[in-house]
C-alpha atoms as a PDB file:
ATOM      1  CA  MET A   1     166.921  74.019 100.744  1.00  0.00           C
ATOM      2  CA  SER A   2     169.609  73.929  98.108  1.00  0.00           C
ATOM      3  CA  LEU A   3     171.861  76.925  97.411  1.00  0.00           C
ATOM      4  CA  LEU A   4     170.572  77.014  93.819  1.00  0.00           C
ATOM      5  CA  LEU A   5     166.981  77.268  95.044  1.00  0.00           C
ATOM      6  CA  GLU A   6     167.969  79.952  97.534  1.00  0.00           C
ATOM      7  CA  GLY A   7     169.595  81.805  94.795  1.00  0.00           C
ATOM      8  CA  ARG A   8     166.527  81.466  92.617  1.00  0.00           C
ATOM      9  CA  LEU A   9     164.442  82.941  95.497  1.00  0.00           C
ATOM     10  CA  ALA A  10     166.853  85.881  95.604  1.00  0.00           C
ATOM     11  CA  GLN A  11     166.417  86.374  91.840  1.00  0.00           C
ATOM     12  CA  LEU A  12     162.612  86.323  92.239  1.00  0.00           C
ATOM     13  CA  ALA A  13     162.860  88.995  94.947  1.00  0.00           C
ATOM     14  CA  ARG A  14     164.983  91.261  92.740  1.00  0.00           C
ATOM     15  CA  ALA A  15     162.462  90.898  89.898  1.00  0.00           C
ATOM     16  CA  LEU A  16     159.551  92.083  91.953  1.00  0.00           C
ATOM     17  CA  PRO A  17     158.558  95.805  91.899  1.00  0.00           C
ATOM     18  CA  LEU A  18     159.688  97.803  94.931  1.00  0.00           C
ATOM     19  CA  GLN A  19     156.095  98.519  95.816  1.00  0.00           C
ATOM     20  CA  GLY A  20     154.823  95.578  97.777  1.00  0.00           C
ATOM     21  CA  ARG A  21     157.988  93.535  97.248  1.00  0.00           C
ATOM     22  CA  CYS A  22     158.155  92.180 100.832  1.00  0.00           C
ATOM     23  CA  HIS A  23     154.585  90.926 100.931  1.00  0.00           C
ATOM     24  CA  ARG A  24     154.711  89.340  97.456  1.00  0.00           C
ATOM     25  CA  PHE A  25     158.081  87.717  98.034  1.00  0.00           C
ATOM     26  CA  GLU A  26     157.019  86.184 101.278  1.00  0.00           C
ATOM     27  CA  SER A  27     153.963  84.881  99.526  1.00  0.00           C
ATOM     28  CA  CYS A  28     156.017  83.303  96.712  1.00  0.00           C
ATOM     29  CA  ILE A  29     158.211  81.321  99.189  1.00  0.00           C
ATOM     30  CA  ALA A  30     155.520  80.325 101.641  1.00  0.00           C
ATOM     31  CA  HIS A  31     155.005  77.048  99.787  1.00  0.00           C
ATOM     32  CA  SER A  32     158.621  76.104 100.307  1.00  0.00           C
ATOM     33  CA  GLY A  33     158.408  76.369 104.142  1.00  0.00           C
ATOM     34  CA  TYR A  34     161.517  78.437 103.980  1.00  0.00           C
ATOM     35  CA  HIS A  35     161.520  81.738 105.914  1.00  0.00           C
ATOM     36  CA  CYS A  36     163.378  84.584 104.263  1.00  0.00           C
ATOM     37  CA  ARG A  37     162.361  88.233 104.348  1.00  0.00           C
ATOM     38  CA  PHE A  38     163.728  90.920 102.084  1.00  0.00           C
ATOM     39  CA  PHE A  39     163.638  94.603 102.949  1.00  0.00           C
ATOM     40  CA  VAL A  40     164.391  97.392 100.568  1.00  0.00           C
ATOM     41  CA  LEU A  41     166.928  99.894 101.852  1.00  0.00           C
ATOM     42  CA  LEU A  42     168.866 102.471  99.846  1.00  0.00           C
ATOM     43  CA  GLY A  43     167.876 100.686  96.696  1.00  0.00           C
ATOM     44  CA  HIS A  44     169.317  97.336  97.983  1.00  0.00           C
ATOM     45  CA  GLN A  45     167.647  94.378  99.574  1.00  0.00           C
ATOM     46  CA  ILE A  46     168.488  93.420 103.132  1.00  0.00           C
ATOM     47  CA  CYS A  47     168.156  89.719 103.715  1.00  0.00           C
ATOM     48  CA  LYS A  48     167.070  89.148 107.278  1.00  0.00           C
ATOM     49  CA  ARG A  49     167.300  85.483 108.076  1.00  0.00           C
ATOM     50  CA  THR A  50     169.182  83.217 110.526  1.00  0.00           C
ATOM     51  CA  PHE A  51     172.400  81.830 109.277  1.00  0.00           C
ATOM     52  CA  VAL A  52     174.476  79.402 111.311  1.00  0.00           C
ATOM     53  CA  SER A  53     177.169  82.095 111.044  1.00  0.00           C
ATOM     54  CA  HIS A  54     176.774  85.469 109.364  1.00  0.00           C
ATOM     55  CA  PRO A  55     178.199  85.012 105.835  1.00  0.00           C
ATOM     56  CA  ALA A  56     180.559  88.024 106.292  1.00  0.00           C
ATOM     57  CA  GLN A  57     182.099  86.076 109.288  1.00  0.00           C
ATOM     58  CA  LEU A  58     182.849  82.912 107.292  1.00  0.00           C
ATOM     59  CA  PRO A  59     186.399  81.982 106.270  1.00  0.00           C
ATOM     60  CA  VAL A  60     186.971  82.577 102.611  1.00  0.00           C
ATOM     61  CA  GLU A  61     186.873  78.990 101.473  1.00  0.00           C
ATOM     62  CA  GLN A  62     183.669  78.364 103.451  1.00  0.00           C
ATOM     63  CA  LEU A  63     182.106  81.518 102.019  1.00  0.00           C
ATOM     64  CA  LEU A  64     183.059  80.429  98.465  1.00  0.00           C
ATOM     65  CA  ALA A  65     181.270  77.153  99.033  1.00  0.00           C
ATOM     66  CA  GLU A  66     178.078  79.258  99.071  1.00  0.00           C
ATOM     67  CA  CYS A  67     179.026  81.234  95.948  1.00  0.00           C
ATOM     68  CA  LYS A  68     179.181  80.993  92.202  1.00  0.00           C
ATOM     69  CA  VAL A  69     182.453  82.359  90.768  1.00  0.00           C
ATOM     70  CA  GLN A  70     182.541  83.478  87.135  1.00  0.00           C
ATOM     71  CA  ARG A  71     185.389  84.687  84.969  1.00  0.00           C
ATOM     72  CA  THR A  72     184.529  87.424  82.432  1.00  0.00           C
ATOM     73  CA  ARG A  73     185.958  90.285  80.503  1.00  0.00           C
ATOM     74  CA  ARG A  74     185.728  93.925  81.435  1.00  0.00           C
ATOM     75  CA  SER A  75     186.144  96.947  79.066  1.00  0.00           C
ATOM     76  CA  GLY A  76     187.773 100.180  80.298  1.00  0.00           C
ATOM     77  CA  PRO A  77     190.901 102.264  80.155  1.00  0.00           C
ATOM     78  CA  GLY A  78     194.122 100.659  79.160  1.00  0.00           C
ATOM     79  CA  GLY A  79     193.787 100.331  75.444  1.00  0.00           C
ATOM     80  CA  GLN A  80     193.431  97.377  73.163  1.00  0.00           C
ATOM     81  CA  HIS A  81     195.632  95.161  75.320  1.00  0.00           C
ATOM     82  CA  ARG A  82     193.459  95.472  78.471  1.00  0.00           C
ATOM     83  CA  ASN A  83     191.746  92.258  79.561  1.00  0.00           C
ATOM     84  CA  LYS A  84     192.337  90.260  76.352  1.00  0.00           C
ATOM     85  CA  VAL A  85     191.878  87.266  78.605  1.00  0.00           C
ATOM     86  CA  GLU A  86     189.107  86.638  81.118  1.00  0.00           C
ATOM     87  CA  THR A  87     190.746  88.122  84.192  1.00  0.00           C
ATOM     88  CA  ALA A  88     187.681  89.866  85.585  1.00  0.00           C
ATOM     89  CA  ILE A  89     185.858  88.013  88.387  1.00  0.00           C
ATOM     90  CA  VAL A  90     182.265  88.034  89.599  1.00  0.00           C
ATOM     91  CA  VAL A  91     181.492  86.297  92.907  1.00  0.00           C
ATOM     92  CA  GLU A  92     177.810  85.781  93.687  1.00  0.00           C
ATOM     93  CA  HIS A  93     176.560  84.663  97.037  1.00  0.00           C
ATOM     94  CA  LEU A  94     173.775  82.263  96.101  1.00  0.00           C
ATOM     95  CA  PRO A  95     171.642  82.483  99.313  1.00  0.00           C
ATOM     96  CA  THR A  96     171.292  86.285  99.068  1.00  0.00           C
ATOM     97  CA  GLY A  97     172.015  87.085  95.396  1.00  0.00           C
ATOM     98  CA  LEU A  98     174.600  89.704  96.448  1.00  0.00           C
ATOM     99  CA  ARG A  99     177.640  90.011  94.143  1.00  0.00           C
ATOM    100  CA  GLY A 100     181.220  91.286  94.349  1.00  0.00           C
ATOM    101  CA  GLU A 101     182.999  92.133  91.051  1.00  0.00           C
ATOM    102  CA  ALA A 102     186.559  93.198  90.157  1.00  0.00           C
ATOM    103  CA  GLY A 103     188.203  93.669  86.835  1.00  0.00           C
ATOM    104  CA  GLU A 104     190.617  96.474  87.235  1.00  0.00           C
ATOM    105  CA  ARG A 105     193.737  94.341  87.573  1.00  0.00           C
ATOM    106  CA  ARG A 106     195.481  92.210  84.964  1.00  0.00           C
ATOM    107  CA  SER A 107     195.945  89.410  87.490  1.00  0.00           C
ATOM    108  CA  GLN A 108     193.012  87.059  87.879  1.00  0.00           C
ATOM    109  CA  ALA A 109     194.167  86.265  91.471  1.00  0.00           C
ATOM    110  CA  GLN A 110     194.204  89.923  92.414  1.00  0.00           C
ATOM    111  CA  ASN A 111     190.760  90.465  90.956  1.00  0.00           C
ATOM    112  CA  ARG A 112     189.441  87.375  92.713  1.00  0.00           C
ATOM    113  CA  ARG A 113     190.674  88.717  96.096  1.00  0.00           C
ATOM    114  CA  GLN A 114     189.164  92.139  95.403  1.00  0.00           C
ATOM    115  CA  ALA A 115     185.826  90.667  94.299  1.00  0.00           C
ATOM    116  CA  ILE A 116     185.633  88.492  97.427  1.00  0.00           C
ATOM    117  CA  HIS A 117     186.407  91.520  99.567  1.00  0.00           C
ATOM    118  CA  ARG A 118     183.674  93.599  97.898  1.00  0.00           C
ATOM    119  CA  LEU A 119     181.193  90.799  98.311  1.00  0.00           C
ATOM    120  CA  ARG A 120     182.033  90.569 102.009  1.00  0.00           C
ATOM    121  CA  VAL A 121     181.510  94.337 102.398  1.00  0.00           C
ATOM    122  CA  LYS A 122     178.044  93.957 100.870  1.00  0.00           C
ATOM    123  CA  LEU A 123     177.216  91.013 103.053  1.00  0.00           C
ATOM    124  CA  ALA A 124     178.228  92.915 106.181  1.00  0.00           C
ATOM    125  CA  LEU A 125     176.096  95.890 105.141  1.00  0.00           C
ATOM    126  CA  TRP A 126     173.025  94.195 103.818  1.00  0.00           C
ATOM    127  CA  VAL A 127     172.491  90.875 105.560  1.00  0.00           C
ATOM    128  CA  ARG A 128     170.932  91.207 108.977  1.00  0.00           C
ATOM    129  CA  GLN A 129     170.185  88.474 111.546  1.00  0.00           C
ATOM    130  CA  PRO A 130     169.069  88.687 115.186  1.00  0.00           C
ATOM    131  CA  PRO A 131     172.070  89.243 117.463  1.00  0.00           C
ATOM    132  CA  ALA A 132     173.068  86.925 120.252  1.00  0.00           C
ATOM    133  CA  ASP A 133     172.361  87.920 123.843  1.00  0.00           C
ATOM    134  CA  ALA A 134     176.050  88.746 124.342  1.00  0.00           C
ATOM    135  CA  PRO A 135     178.860  89.834 121.981  1.00  0.00           C
ATOM    136  CA  SER A 136     180.848  87.022 120.205  1.00  0.00           C
ATOM    137  CA  PRO A 137     184.229  85.873 121.527  1.00  0.00           C
ATOM    138  CA  ALA A 138     185.886  87.531 118.613  1.00  0.00           C
ATOM    139  CA  TRP A 139     184.236  90.845 119.561  1.00  0.00           C
ATOM    140  CA  ARG A 140     185.085  90.520 123.320  1.00  0.00           C
ATOM    141  CA  GLN A 141     188.698  89.849 122.498  1.00  0.00           C
ATOM    142  CA  ARG A 142     188.960  93.206 120.769  1.00  0.00           C
ATOM    143  CA  VAL A 143     187.267  95.382 123.462  1.00  0.00           C
ATOM    144  CA  PHE A 144     189.434  97.015 126.080  1.00  0.00           C
ATOM    145  CA  GLY A 145     187.967  99.519 128.468  1.00  0.00           C
ATOM    146  CA  ALA A 146     184.808 100.156 126.299  1.00  0.00           C
ATOM    147  CA  ARG A 147     187.130 100.717 123.224  1.00  0.00           C
ATOM    148  CA  LEU A 148     187.322  98.487 120.194  1.00  0.00           C
ATOM    149  CA  ALA A 149     190.781  97.730 118.791  1.00  0.00           C
ATOM    150  CA  ILE A 150     190.631  96.598 115.164  1.00  0.00           C
ATOM    151  CA  ASN A 151     192.581  97.546 112.068  1.00  0.00           C
ATOM    152  CA  PRO A 152     190.224  98.139 109.077  1.00  0.00           C
ATOM    153  CA  GLN A 153     192.650  96.063 106.998  1.00  0.00           C
ATOM    154  CA  HIS A 154     192.364  93.037 109.361  1.00  0.00           C
ATOM    155  CA  GLU A 155     190.437  90.050 108.059  1.00  0.00           C
ATOM    156  CA  GLU A 156     188.093  90.188 111.073  1.00  0.00           C
ATOM    157  CA  PHE A 157     187.016  93.810 110.460  1.00  0.00           C
ATOM    158  CA  LEU A 158     184.005  93.034 108.290  1.00  0.00           C
ATOM    159  CA  ALA A 159     182.850  90.241 110.500  1.00  0.00           C
ATOM    160  CA  LEU A 160     182.837  92.703 113.455  1.00  0.00           C
ATOM    161  CA  LEU A 161     181.159  95.359 111.389  1.00  0.00           C
ATOM    162  CA  ALA A 162     178.381  92.881 110.588  1.00  0.00           C
ATOM    163  CA  GLU A 163     178.015  92.008 114.217  1.00  0.00           C
ATOM    164  CA  ALA A 164     177.785  95.677 115.158  1.00  0.00           C
ATOM    165  CA  LEU A 165     175.135  96.330 112.492  1.00  0.00           C
ATOM    166  CA  ASP A 166     173.070  93.372 113.584  1.00  0.00           C
ATOM    167  CA  VAL A 167     172.998  94.882 117.091  1.00  0.00           C
ATOM    168  CA  VAL A 168     172.341  98.433 115.818  1.00  0.00           C
ATOM    169  CA  HIS A 169     169.431  97.065 113.667  1.00  0.00           C
ATOM    170  CA  ALA A 170     167.990  95.129 116.645  1.00  0.00           C
ATOM    171  CA  HIS A 171     167.980  98.202 118.816  1.00  0.00           C
ATOM    172  CA  GLU A 172     166.155 100.259 116.123  1.00  0.00           C
ATOM    173  CA  PHE A 173     169.325 102.254 115.316  1.00  0.00           C
ATOM    174  CA  ALA A 174     169.511 103.750 118.776  1.00  0.00           C
ATOM    175  CA  ILE A 175     173.244 104.060 119.293  1.00  0.00           C
ATOM    176  CA  PRO A 176     173.517 104.257 123.113  1.00  0.00           C
ATOM    177  CA  GLU A 177     171.451 101.031 123.537  1.00  0.00           C
ATOM    178  CA  ALA A 178     173.449  99.254 120.812  1.00  0.00           C
ATOM    179  CA  ALA A 179     176.736 100.465 122.238  1.00  0.00           C
ATOM    180  CA  HIS A 180     175.805  99.144 125.697  1.00  0.00           C
ATOM    181  CA  HIS A 181     174.949  95.796 124.241  1.00  0.00           C
ATOM    182  CA  LEU A 182     178.407  95.655 122.640  1.00  0.00           C
ATOM    183  CA  GLY A 183     180.341  96.898 125.621  1.00  0.00           C
ATOM    184  CA  LEU A 184     181.403 100.133 123.873  1.00  0.00           C
ATOM    185  CA  THR A 185     180.923 103.829 124.387  1.00  0.00           C
ATOM    186  CA  SER A 186     178.550 105.473 121.889  1.00  0.00           C
ATOM    187  CA  SER A 187     181.423 107.415 120.345  1.00  0.00           C
ATOM    188  CA  GLN A 188     183.399 104.175 119.852  1.00  0.00           C
ATOM    189  CA  LEU A 189     180.509 102.569 118.018  1.00  0.00           C
ATOM    190  CA  VAL A 190     180.032 105.614 115.789  1.00  0.00           C
ATOM    191  CA  LYS A 191     183.853 105.572 115.053  1.00  0.00           C
ATOM    192  CA  LEU A 192     183.531 101.953 113.897  1.00  0.00           C
ATOM    193  CA  LEU A 193     180.624 102.782 111.509  1.00  0.00           C
ATOM    194  CA  LYS A 194     182.571 105.730 110.084  1.00  0.00           C
ATOM    195  CA  ILE A 195     185.445 103.507 109.056  1.00  0.00           C
ATOM    196  CA  GLU A 196     183.132 102.012 106.330  1.00  0.00           C
ATOM    197  CA  PRO A 197     181.344 105.090 104.840  1.00  0.00           C
ATOM    198  CA  GLN A 198     178.484 102.983 103.474  1.00  0.00           C
ATOM    199  CA  ALA A 199     177.693 101.722 106.861  1.00  0.00           C
ATOM    200  CA  LEU A 200     177.306 105.266 108.281  1.00  0.00           C
ATOM    201  CA  VAL A 201     175.117 106.239 105.249  1.00  0.00           C
ATOM    202  CA  LEU A 202     172.956 103.145 105.880  1.00  0.00           C
ATOM    203  CA  VAL A 203     172.500 103.834 109.596  1.00  0.00           C
ATOM    204  CA  ASN A 204     171.792 107.527 109.082  1.00  0.00           C
ATOM    205  CA  ARG A 205     169.140 106.790 106.448  1.00  0.00           C
ATOM    206  CA  GLU A 206     167.401 104.428 108.926  1.00  0.00           C
ATOM    207  CA  ARG A 207     167.736 106.966 111.776  1.00  0.00           C
ATOM    208  CA  GLN A 208     166.218 109.629 109.633  1.00  0.00           C
ATOM    209  CA  GLN A 209     163.196 107.472 108.918  1.00  0.00           C
ATOM    210  CA  ARG A 210     162.751 107.044 112.613  1.00  0.00           C
ATOM    211  CA  GLY A 211     163.031 110.753 113.406  1.00  0.00           C
ATOM    212  CA  LEU A 212     166.503 110.350 114.949  1.00  0.00           C
ATOM    213  CA  PRO A 213     169.293 112.888 114.286  1.00  0.00           C
ATOM    214  CA  PRO A 214     172.162 111.897 111.974  1.00  0.00           C
ATOM    215  CA  LEU A 215     175.447 110.672 113.298  1.00  0.00           C
ATOM    216  CA  TYR A 216     178.656 112.579 112.519  1.00  0.00           C
END
């Protein structure tokens, strides 16, 4: 299926009412023979499908090959001279419909980097796929004595966060089981989730729905 068609399916999913969205969206794509399920969580749609690689784990240029990049203008503080040219950037991931936007800088290059980063954060948070039987080589290289060593500013951080969330999701948000799968202690896994506040909010919302206590 082409990226444009995948993007159109994502648009169709967003257009459906929240009530019954999953059933109706699956029905509308059944004729294509393409399996993609969307789940509503915290007002967002989680795309649960099998990618060759999770999109948050792709190198930037490979990720951009799946995206549409638009230049636009943004209003805001800074007076009449702000964004006289189209320096704001919107990067949309066509298979999922998720978007990263940035327009706070005068430099188009800086806004582009920030928009890509924001898109990768959303991809890590909202796109889920079944985890592998064992952690990835990138993950194993960063685990020492059941502790994960990763700087949040490192380019691999969001890829590892996505991998962790895939495992947490697969284990029904039970942290001890997910941590065991990843070769970590439970406290180390929670520490990783707390680095990205939206990840902790997401996990706690799902745990609450399952009658599990929140993570702190």
